Amino acid sequence: MTTETGDDPVVEIKGTIDELRVLLGNIDDSSVVVEKQTEVVMEKPKKKRRKLSDWQRYIKNRSNHIKFKSGKRKGQLDLAKMSKAFKRGRKK
């Protein structure tokens, strides 16, 4: 579709951005070229996890869990008793 306005004709072009870039000569920015230039990127090395503290390793072990047997906190871990048992076990 062209219309005359003064000296310069106006042209309307429809299409995708990549098609327009190819038509208008700016092919360097089109994704078609970018897809061909992509390379396999190496995965980032995983960060080395820090060592757990003795207390964290003690808590992690289910055989060391001491739970409340009654009351509103029934079934929850009794950290106070666990702490005492942990400290008693570490005495030498």
PDB file of N, CA and C in Angstrom:
ATOM      1  N   MET A   1       0.850  -1.171   0.000  1.00  0.00           N
ATOM      2  CA  MET A   1       0.000   0.000   0.000  1.00  0.00           C
ATOM      3  C   MET A   1       0.901   1.241   0.000  1.00  0.00           C
ATOM      4  N   THR A   2       0.735   2.095  -0.972  1.00  0.00           N
ATOM      5  CA  THR A   2       1.528   3.319  -1.033  1.00  0.00           C
ATOM      6  C   THR A   2       0.598   4.504  -1.144  1.00  0.00           C
ATOM      7  N   THR A   3       0.969   5.560  -0.500  1.00  0.00           N
ATOM      8  CA  THR A   3       0.215   6.812  -0.602  1.00  0.00           C
ATOM      9  C   THR A   3       1.199   7.928  -0.847  1.00  0.00           C
ATOM     10  N   GLU A   4       0.794   8.907  -1.599  1.00  0.00           N
ATOM     11  CA  GLU A   4       1.654  10.047  -1.904  1.00  0.00           C
ATOM     12  C   GLU A   4       1.354  11.177  -0.935  1.00  0.00           C
ATOM     13  N   THR A   5       2.353  11.622  -0.180  1.00  0.00           N
ATOM     14  CA  THR A   5       2.214  12.800   0.678  1.00  0.00           C
ATOM     15  C   THR A   5       3.370  13.725   0.349  1.00  0.00           C
ATOM     16  N   GLY A   6       3.100  14.728  -0.394  1.00  0.00           N
ATOM     17  CA  GLY A   6       4.168  15.659  -0.778  1.00  0.00           C
ATOM     18  C   GLY A   6       5.109  15.001  -1.751  1.00  0.00           C
ATOM     19  N   ASP A   7       6.408  15.002  -1.430  1.00  0.00           N
ATOM     20  CA  ASP A   7       7.415  14.469  -2.351  1.00  0.00           C
ATOM     21  C   ASP A   7       7.746  12.996  -2.077  1.00  0.00           C
ATOM     22  N   ASP A   8       7.592  12.542  -0.807  1.00  0.00           N
ATOM     23  CA  ASP A   8       8.032  11.194  -0.427  1.00  0.00           C
ATOM     24  C   ASP A   8       6.846  10.226  -0.370  1.00  0.00           C
ATOM     25  N   PRO A   9       6.960   9.044  -1.000  1.00  0.00           N
ATOM     26  CA  PRO A   9       5.897   8.040  -0.894  1.00  0.00           C
ATOM     27  C   PRO A   9       6.006   7.318   0.451  1.00  0.00           C
ATOM     28  N   VAL A  10       4.890   6.897   1.040  1.00  0.00           N
ATOM     29  CA  VAL A  10       4.857   6.176   2.308  1.00  0.00           C
ATOM     30  C   VAL A  10       4.530   4.722   1.989  1.00  0.00           C
ATOM     31  N   VAL A  11       5.315   3.791   2.519  1.00  0.00           N
ATOM     32  CA  VAL A  11       5.123   2.371   2.277  1.00  0.00           C
ATOM     33  C   VAL A  11       4.870   1.684   3.608  1.00  0.00           C
ATOM     34  N   GLU A  12       3.880   0.789   3.660  1.00  0.00           N
ATOM     35  CA  GLU A  12       3.568   0.042   4.874  1.00  0.00           C
ATOM     36  C   GLU A  12       4.009  -1.398   4.653  1.00  0.00           C
ATOM     37  N   ILE A  13       4.814  -1.924   5.561  1.00  0.00           N
ATOM     38  CA  ILE A  13       5.315  -3.286   5.461  1.00  0.00           C
ATOM     39  C   ILE A  13       4.875  -4.032   6.714  1.00  0.00           C
ATOM     40  N   LYS A  14       4.325  -5.237   6.529  1.00  0.00           N
ATOM     41  CA  LYS A  14       3.899  -6.058   7.666  1.00  0.00           C
ATOM     42  C   LYS A  14       4.725  -7.329   7.698  1.00  0.00           C
ATOM     43  N   GLY A  15       5.028  -7.803   8.903  1.00  0.00           N
ATOM     44  CA  GLY A  15       5.785  -9.035   9.075  1.00  0.00           C
ATOM     45  C   GLY A  15       6.375  -9.092  10.470  1.00  0.00           C
ATOM     46  N   THR A  16       7.055 -10.201  10.746  1.00  0.00           N
ATOM     47  CA  THR A  16       7.702 -10.337  12.050  1.00  0.00           C
ATOM     48  C   THR A  16       8.950  -9.461  12.075  1.00  0.00           C
ATOM     49  N   ILE A  17       9.476  -9.266  13.250  1.00  0.00           N
ATOM     50  CA  ILE A  17      10.661  -8.419  13.396  1.00  0.00           C
ATOM     51  C   ILE A  17      11.833  -9.006  12.619  1.00  0.00           C
ATOM     52  N   ASP A  18      11.994 -10.329  12.691  1.00  0.00           N
ATOM     53  CA  ASP A  18      13.096 -10.956  11.965  1.00  0.00           C
ATOM     54  C   ASP A  18      12.926 -10.788  10.457  1.00  0.00           C
ATOM     55  N   GLU A  19      11.695 -10.939   9.961  1.00  0.00           N
ATOM     56  CA  GLU A  19      11.461 -10.758   8.530  1.00  0.00           C
ATOM     57  C   GLU A  19      11.763  -9.323   8.113  1.00  0.00           C
ATOM     58  N   LEU A  20      11.348  -8.366   8.945  1.00  0.00           N
ATOM     59  CA  LEU A  20      11.607  -6.956   8.624  1.00  0.00           C
ATOM     60  C   LEU A  20      13.098  -6.661   8.639  1.00  0.00           C
ATOM     61  N   ARG A  21      13.821  -7.224   9.590  1.00  0.00           N
ATOM     62  CA  ARG A  21      15.261  -6.990   9.658  1.00  0.00           C
ATOM     63  C   ARG A  21      15.953  -7.536   8.420  1.00  0.00           C
ATOM     64  N   VAL A  22      15.502  -8.731   7.957  1.00  0.00           N
ATOM     65  CA  VAL A  22      16.094  -9.314   6.758  1.00  0.00           C
ATOM     66  C   VAL A  22      15.766  -8.445   5.548  1.00  0.00           C
ATOM     67  N   LEU A  23      14.496  -7.991   5.456  1.00  0.00           N
ATOM     68  CA  LEU A  23      14.089  -7.161   4.319  1.00  0.00           C
ATOM     69  C   LEU A  23      14.815  -5.820   4.283  1.00  0.00           C
ATOM     70  N   LEU A  24      14.990  -5.231   5.460  1.00  0.00           N
ATOM     71  CA  LEU A  24      15.572  -3.892   5.514  1.00  0.00           C
ATOM     72  C   LEU A  24      17.099  -3.914   5.596  1.00  0.00           C
ATOM     73  N   GLY A  25      17.690  -5.109   5.650  1.00  0.00           N
ATOM     74  CA  GLY A  25      19.134  -5.203   5.565  1.00  0.00           C
ATOM     75  C   GLY A  25      19.853  -5.255   6.892  1.00  0.00           C
ATOM     76  N   ASN A  26      19.159  -5.251   8.020  1.00  0.00           N
ATOM     77  CA  ASN A  26      19.822  -5.320   9.325  1.00  0.00           C
ATOM     78  C   ASN A  26      19.779  -6.767   9.799  1.00  0.00           C
ATOM     79  N   ILE A  27      20.440  -7.643   9.078  1.00  0.00           N
ATOM     80  CA  ILE A  27      20.362  -9.073   9.359  1.00  0.00           C
ATOM     81  C   ILE A  27      21.189  -9.474  10.584  1.00  0.00           C
ATOM     82  N   ASP A  28      22.134  -8.627  10.984  1.00  0.00           N
ATOM     83  CA  ASP A  28      22.992  -8.958  12.125  1.00  0.00           C
ATOM     84  C   ASP A  28      22.202  -9.086  13.410  1.00  0.00           C
ATOM     85  N   ASP A  29      21.068  -8.367  13.528  1.00  0.00           N
ATOM     86  CA  ASP A  29      20.294  -8.400  14.756  1.00  0.00           C
ATOM     87  C   ASP A  29      19.227  -9.484  14.756  1.00  0.00           C
ATOM     88  N   SER A  30      19.007 -10.164  13.651  1.00  0.00           N
ATOM     89  CA  SER A  30      17.903 -11.127  13.588  1.00  0.00           C
ATOM     90  C   SER A  30      18.250 -12.372  14.387  1.00  0.00           C
ATOM     91  N   SER A  31      17.232 -12.998  14.956  1.00  0.00           N
ATOM     92  CA  SER A  31      17.451 -14.174  15.789  1.00  0.00           C
ATOM     93  C   SER A  31      17.798 -15.390  14.952  1.00  0.00           C
ATOM     94  N   VAL A  32      17.504 -15.351  13.665  1.00  0.00           N
ATOM     95  CA  VAL A  32      17.861 -16.464  12.797  1.00  0.00           C
ATOM     96  C   VAL A  32      19.373 -16.632  12.778  1.00  0.00           C
ATOM     97  N   VAL A  33      20.095 -15.529  12.680  1.00  0.00           N
ATOM     98  CA  VAL A  33      21.558 -15.576  12.673  1.00  0.00           C
ATOM     99  C   VAL A  33      22.063 -15.930  14.063  1.00  0.00           C
ATOM    100  N   VAL A  34      21.421 -15.426  15.081  1.00  0.00           N
ATOM    101  CA  VAL A  34      21.861 -15.668  16.454  1.00  0.00           C
ATOM    102  C   VAL A  34      21.743 -17.143  16.795  1.00  0.00           C
ATOM    103  N   GLU A  35      20.685 -17.807  16.325  1.00  0.00           N
ATOM    104  CA  GLU A  35      20.515 -19.221  16.621  1.00  0.00           C
ATOM    105  C   GLU A  35      21.657 -20.043  16.037  1.00  0.00           C
ATOM    106  N   LYS A  36      22.155 -19.651  14.879  1.00  0.00           N
ATOM    107  CA  LYS A  36      23.250 -20.380  14.252  1.00  0.00           C
ATOM    108  C   LYS A  36      24.566 -20.161  14.990  1.00  0.00           C
ATOM    109  N   GLN A  37      24.713 -19.044  15.680  1.00  0.00           N
ATOM    110  CA  GLN A  37      25.964 -18.709  16.323  1.00  0.00           C
ATOM    111  C   GLN A  37      26.040 -19.159  17.782  1.00  0.00           C
ATOM    112  N   THR A  38      24.960 -19.726  18.311  1.00  0.00           N
ATOM    113  CA  THR A  38      24.984 -20.127  19.716  1.00  0.00           C
ATOM    114  C   THR A  38      25.928 -21.310  19.908  1.00  0.00           C
ATOM    115  N   GLU A  39      26.552 -21.360  21.064  1.00  0.00           N
ATOM    116  CA  GLU A  39      27.471 -22.424  21.391  1.00  0.00           C
ATOM    117  C   GLU A  39      26.998 -23.114  22.653  1.00  0.00           C
ATOM    118  N   VAL A  40      27.502 -24.302  22.876  1.00  0.00           N
ATOM    119  CA  VAL A  40      27.174 -25.029  24.093  1.00  0.00           C
ATOM    120  C   VAL A  40      27.917 -24.361  25.239  1.00  0.00           C
ATOM    121  N   VAL A  41      27.177 -23.945  26.257  1.00  0.00           N
ATOM    122  CA  VAL A  41      27.774 -23.256  27.393  1.00  0.00           C
ATOM    123  C   VAL A  41      27.944 -24.262  28.521  1.00  0.00           C
ATOM    124  N   MET A  42      29.124 -24.273  29.100  1.00  0.00           N
ATOM    125  CA  MET A  42      29.382 -25.186  30.210  1.00  0.00           C
ATOM    126  C   MET A  42      28.590 -24.750  31.430  1.00  0.00           C
ATOM    127  N   GLU A  43      28.112 -25.730  32.191  1.00  0.00           N
ATOM    128  CA  GLU A  43      27.392 -25.417  33.412  1.00  0.00           C
ATOM    129  C   GLU A  43      28.354 -24.843  34.439  1.00  0.00           C
ATOM    130  N   LYS A  44      27.829 -23.940  35.275  1.00  0.00           N
ATOM    131  CA  LYS A  44      28.643 -23.381  36.343  1.00  0.00           C
ATOM    132  C   LYS A  44      28.938 -24.484  37.359  1.00  0.00           C
ATOM    133  N   PRO A  45      30.143 -24.534  37.873  1.00  0.00           N
ATOM    134  CA  PRO A  45      30.426 -25.544  38.893  1.00  0.00           C
ATOM    135  C   PRO A  45      29.628 -25.242  40.157  1.00  0.00           C
ATOM    136  N   LYS A  46      29.111 -26.293  40.770  1.00  0.00           N
ATOM    137  CA  LYS A  46      28.317 -26.104  41.986  1.00  0.00           C
ATOM    138  C   LYS A  46      29.212 -25.619  43.116  1.00  0.00           C
ATOM    139  N   LYS A  47      28.635 -24.748  43.935  1.00  0.00           N
ATOM    140  CA  LYS A  47      29.394 -24.255  45.078  1.00  0.00           C
ATOM    141  C   LYS A  47      29.610 -25.405  46.059  1.00  0.00           C
ATOM    142  N   LYS A  48      30.785 -25.437  46.645  1.00  0.00           N
ATOM    143  CA  LYS A  48      31.093 -26.458  47.630  1.00  0.00           C
ATOM    144  C   LYS A  48      30.327 -26.149  48.901  1.00  0.00           C
ATOM    145  N   ARG A  49      29.556 -27.127  49.361  1.00  0.00           N
ATOM    146  CA  ARG A  49      28.762 -26.916  50.571  1.00  0.00           C
ATOM    147  C   ARG A  49      29.681 -26.906  51.783  1.00  0.00           C
ATOM    148  N   ARG A  50      29.351 -26.029  52.706  1.00  0.00           N
ATOM    149  CA  ARG A  50      30.193 -25.965  53.903  1.00  0.00           C
ATOM    150  C   ARG A  50      29.853 -27.140  54.820  1.00  0.00           C
ATOM    151  N   LYS A  51      30.794 -27.504  55.637  1.00  0.00           N
ATOM    152  CA  LYS A  51      30.636 -28.628  56.548  1.00  0.00           C
ATOM    153  C   LYS A  51      29.655 -28.256  57.658  1.00  0.00           C
ATOM    154  N   LEU A  52      28.746 -29.182  57.986  1.00  0.00           N
ATOM    155  CA  LEU A  52      27.789 -28.943  59.069  1.00  0.00           C
ATOM    156  C   LEU A  52      28.517 -28.971  60.401  1.00  0.00           C
ATOM    157  N   SER A  53      28.020 -28.181  61.336  1.00  0.00           N
ATOM    158  CA  SER A  53      28.598 -28.189  62.683  1.00  0.00           C
ATOM    159  C   SER A  53      28.199 -29.482  63.392  1.00  0.00           C
ATOM    160  N   ASP A  54      28.853 -29.753  64.486  1.00  0.00           N
ATOM    161  CA  ASP A  54      28.547 -30.964  65.252  1.00  0.00           C
ATOM    162  C   ASP A  54      27.085 -30.967  65.702  1.00  0.00           C
ATOM    163  N   TRP A  55      26.584 -29.820  66.144  1.00  0.00           N
ATOM    164  CA  TRP A  55      25.191 -29.718  66.600  1.00  0.00           C
ATOM    165  C   TRP A  55      24.230 -29.990  65.443  1.00  0.00           C
ATOM    166  N   GLN A  56      24.525 -29.447  64.281  1.00  0.00           N
ATOM    167  CA  GLN A  56      23.649 -29.670  63.133  1.00  0.00           C
ATOM    168  C   GLN A  56      23.632 -31.143  62.728  1.00  0.00           C
ATOM    169  N   ARG A  57      24.793 -31.785  62.803  1.00  0.00           N
ATOM    170  CA  ARG A  57      24.838 -33.219  62.493  1.00  0.00           C
ATOM    171  C   ARG A  57      24.095 -34.019  63.559  1.00  0.00           C
ATOM    172  N   TYR A  58      24.163 -33.597  64.818  1.00  0.00           N
ATOM    173  CA  TYR A  58      23.445 -34.266  65.907  1.00  0.00           C
ATOM    174  C   TYR A  58      21.931 -34.152  65.694  1.00  0.00           C
ATOM    175  N   ILE A  59      21.470 -32.962  65.345  1.00  0.00           N
ATOM    176  CA  ILE A  59      20.044 -32.725  65.128  1.00  0.00           C
ATOM    177  C   ILE A  59      19.539 -33.529  63.933  1.00  0.00           C
ATOM    178  N   LYS A  60      20.367 -33.647  62.906  1.00  0.00           N
ATOM    179  CA  LYS A  60      19.976 -34.324  61.670  1.00  0.00           C
ATOM    180  C   LYS A  60      19.698 -35.813  61.896  1.00  0.00           C
ATOM    181  N   ASN A  61      20.373 -36.407  62.852  1.00  0.00           N
ATOM    182  CA  ASN A  61      20.234 -37.834  63.133  1.00  0.00           C
ATOM    183  C   ASN A  61      18.934 -38.098  63.901  1.00  0.00           C
ATOM    184  N   ARG A  62      18.018 -38.828  63.271  1.00  0.00           N
ATOM    185  CA  ARG A  62      16.695 -39.047  63.878  1.00  0.00           C
ATOM    186  C   ARG A  62      16.765 -39.856  65.179  1.00  0.00           C
ATOM    187  N   SER A  63      17.794 -40.649  65.350  1.00  0.00           N
ATOM    188  CA  SER A  63      17.887 -41.443  66.582  1.00  0.00           C
ATOM    189  C   SER A  63      18.160 -40.552  67.798  1.00  0.00           C
ATOM    190  N   ASN A  64      18.622 -39.322  67.577  1.00  0.00           N
ATOM    191  CA  ASN A  64      18.895 -38.396  68.674  1.00  0.00           C
ATOM    192  C   ASN A  64      17.684 -37.534  69.029  1.00  0.00           C
ATOM    193  N   HIS A  65      16.604 -37.616  68.254  1.00  0.00           N
ATOM    194  CA  HIS A  65      15.440 -36.769  68.509  1.00  0.00           C
ATOM    195  C   HIS A  65      14.763 -37.136  69.823  1.00  0.00           C
ATOM    196  N   ILE A  66      14.536 -36.132  70.658  1.00  0.00           N
ATOM    197  CA  ILE A  66      13.787 -36.294  71.905  1.00  0.00           C
ATOM    198  C   ILE A  66      12.548 -35.418  71.763  1.00  0.00           C
ATOM    199  N   LYS A  67      11.352 -36.019  71.889  1.00  0.00           N
ATOM    200  CA  LYS A  67      10.116 -35.280  71.650  1.00  0.00           C
ATOM    201  C   LYS A  67       9.300 -35.164  72.935  1.00  0.00           C
ATOM    202  N   PHE A  68       8.472 -34.109  72.983  1.00  0.00           N
ATOM    203  CA  PHE A  68       7.531 -33.958  74.090  1.00  0.00           C
ATOM    204  C   PHE A  68       6.515 -35.080  74.005  1.00  0.00           C
ATOM    205  N   LYS A  69       6.165 -35.651  75.187  1.00  0.00           N
ATOM    206  CA  LYS A  69       5.247 -36.783  75.191  1.00  0.00           C
ATOM    207  C   LYS A  69       3.813 -36.387  75.490  1.00  0.00           C
ATOM    208  N   SER A  70       3.620 -35.198  76.086  1.00  0.00           N
ATOM    209  CA  SER A  70       2.263 -34.760  76.402  1.00  0.00           C
ATOM    210  C   SER A  70       2.219 -33.238  76.428  1.00  0.00           C
ATOM    211  N   GLY A  71       1.020 -32.711  76.567  1.00  0.00           N
ATOM    212  CA  GLY A  71       0.879 -31.267  76.622  1.00  0.00           C
ATOM    213  C   GLY A  71       0.647 -30.679  75.234  1.00  0.00           C
ATOM    214  N   LYS A  72       0.620 -29.355  75.184  1.00  0.00           N
ATOM    215  CA  LYS A  72       0.311 -28.702  73.907  1.00  0.00           C
ATOM    216  C   LYS A  72       1.442 -28.830  72.886  1.00  0.00           C
ATOM    217  N   ARG A  73       2.655 -29.177  73.341  1.00  0.00           N
ATOM    218  CA  ARG A  73       3.797 -29.325  72.419  1.00  0.00           C
ATOM    219  C   ARG A  73       4.097 -30.794  72.127  1.00  0.00           C
ATOM    220  N   LYS A  74       3.113 -31.663  72.357  1.00  0.00           N
ATOM    221  CA  LYS A  74       3.293 -33.095  72.137  1.00  0.00           C
ATOM    222  C   LYS A  74       3.718 -33.352  70.683  1.00  0.00           C
ATOM    223  N   GLY A  75       4.768 -34.152  70.526  1.00  0.00           N
ATOM    224  CA  GLY A  75       5.255 -34.509  69.203  1.00  0.00           C
ATOM    225  C   GLY A  75       6.349 -33.586  68.687  1.00  0.00           C
ATOM    226  N   GLN A  76       6.508 -32.408  69.285  1.00  0.00           N
ATOM    227  CA  GLN A  76       7.558 -31.489  68.836  1.00  0.00           C
ATOM    228  C   GLN A  76       8.882 -31.847  69.507  1.00  0.00           C
ATOM    229  N   LEU A  77       9.963 -31.427  68.885  1.00  0.00           N
ATOM    230  CA  LEU A  77      11.280 -31.711  69.449  1.00  0.00           C
ATOM    231  C   LEU A  77      11.501 -30.922  70.731  1.00  0.00           C
ATOM    232  N   ASP A  78      12.057 -31.580  71.742  1.00  0.00           N
ATOM    233  CA  ASP A  78      12.420 -30.925  73.002  1.00  0.00           C
ATOM    234  C   ASP A  78      13.897 -30.549  72.889  1.00  0.00           C
ATOM    235  N   LEU A  79      14.130 -29.360  72.364  1.00  0.00           N
ATOM    236  CA  LEU A  79      15.506 -28.937  72.093  1.00  0.00           C
ATOM    237  C   LEU A  79      16.320 -28.756  73.358  1.00  0.00           C
ATOM    238  N   ALA A  80      15.675 -28.416  74.464  1.00  0.00           N
ATOM    239  CA  ALA A  80      16.407 -28.238  75.723  1.00  0.00           C
ATOM    240  C   ALA A  80      17.014 -29.571  76.166  1.00  0.00           C
ATOM    241  N   LYS A  81      16.210 -30.640  76.132  1.00  0.00           N
ATOM    242  CA  LYS A  81      16.723 -31.958  76.528  1.00  0.00           C
ATOM    243  C   LYS A  81      17.763 -32.457  75.529  1.00  0.00           C
ATOM    244  N   MET A  82      17.523 -32.169  74.249  1.00  0.00           N
ATOM    245  CA  MET A  82      18.480 -32.587  73.229  1.00  0.00           C
ATOM    246  C   MET A  82      19.812 -31.885  73.429  1.00  0.00           C
ATOM    247  N   SER A  83      19.764 -30.601  73.802  1.00  0.00           N
ATOM    248  CA  SER A  83      20.984 -29.842  74.027  1.00  0.00           C
ATOM    249  C   SER A  83      21.773 -30.424  75.200  1.00  0.00           C
ATOM    250  N   LYS A  84      21.055 -30.763  76.277  1.00  0.00           N
ATOM    251  CA  LYS A  84      21.721 -31.356  77.439  1.00  0.00           C
ATOM    252  C   LYS A  84      22.362 -32.689  77.079  1.00  0.00           C
ATOM    253  N   ALA A  85      21.644 -33.507  76.304  1.00  0.00           N
ATOM    254  CA  ALA A  85      22.186 -34.814  75.918  1.00  0.00           C
ATOM    255  C   ALA A  85      23.395 -34.634  75.000  1.00  0.00           C
ATOM    256  N   PHE A  86      23.335 -33.661  74.126  1.00  0.00           N
ATOM    257  CA  PHE A  86      24.444 -33.391  73.211  1.00  0.00           C
ATOM    258  C   PHE A  86      25.679 -32.958  73.987  1.00  0.00           C
ATOM    259  N   LYS A  87      25.493 -32.058  74.954  1.00  0.00           N
ATOM    260  CA  LYS A  87      26.620 -31.559  75.744  1.00  0.00           C
ATOM    261  C   LYS A  87      27.197 -32.655  76.630  1.00  0.00           C
ATOM    262  N   ARG A  88      26.333 -33.505  77.201  1.00  0.00           N
ATOM    263  CA  ARG A  88      26.815 -34.608  78.027  1.00  0.00           C
ATOM    264  C   ARG A  88      27.617 -35.600  77.196  1.00  0.00           C
ATOM    265  N   GLY A  89      27.183 -35.834  75.967  1.00  0.00           N
ATOM    266  CA  GLY A  89      27.877 -36.781  75.091  1.00  0.00           C
ATOM    267  C   GLY A  89      29.222 -36.285  74.627  1.00  0.00           C
ATOM    268  N   ARG A  90      29.425 -34.980  74.604  1.00  0.00           N
ATOM    269  CA  ARG A  90      30.683 -34.400  74.126  1.00  0.00           C
ATOM    270  C   ARG A  90      31.716 -34.259  75.225  1.00  0.00           C
ATOM    271  N   LYS A  91      31.312 -34.449  76.504  1.00  0.00           N
ATOM    272  CA  LYS A  91      32.280 -34.335  77.612  1.00  0.00           C
ATOM    273  C   LYS A  91      33.295 -35.449  77.519  1.00  0.00           C
ATOM    274  N   LYS A  92      34.539 -35.115  77.780  1.00  0.00           N
ATOM    275  CA  LYS A  92      35.589 -36.137  77.743  1.00  0.00           C
ATOM    276  C   LYS A  92      36.444 -36.060  78.966  1.00  0.00           C
TER     277      LYS A  92
END
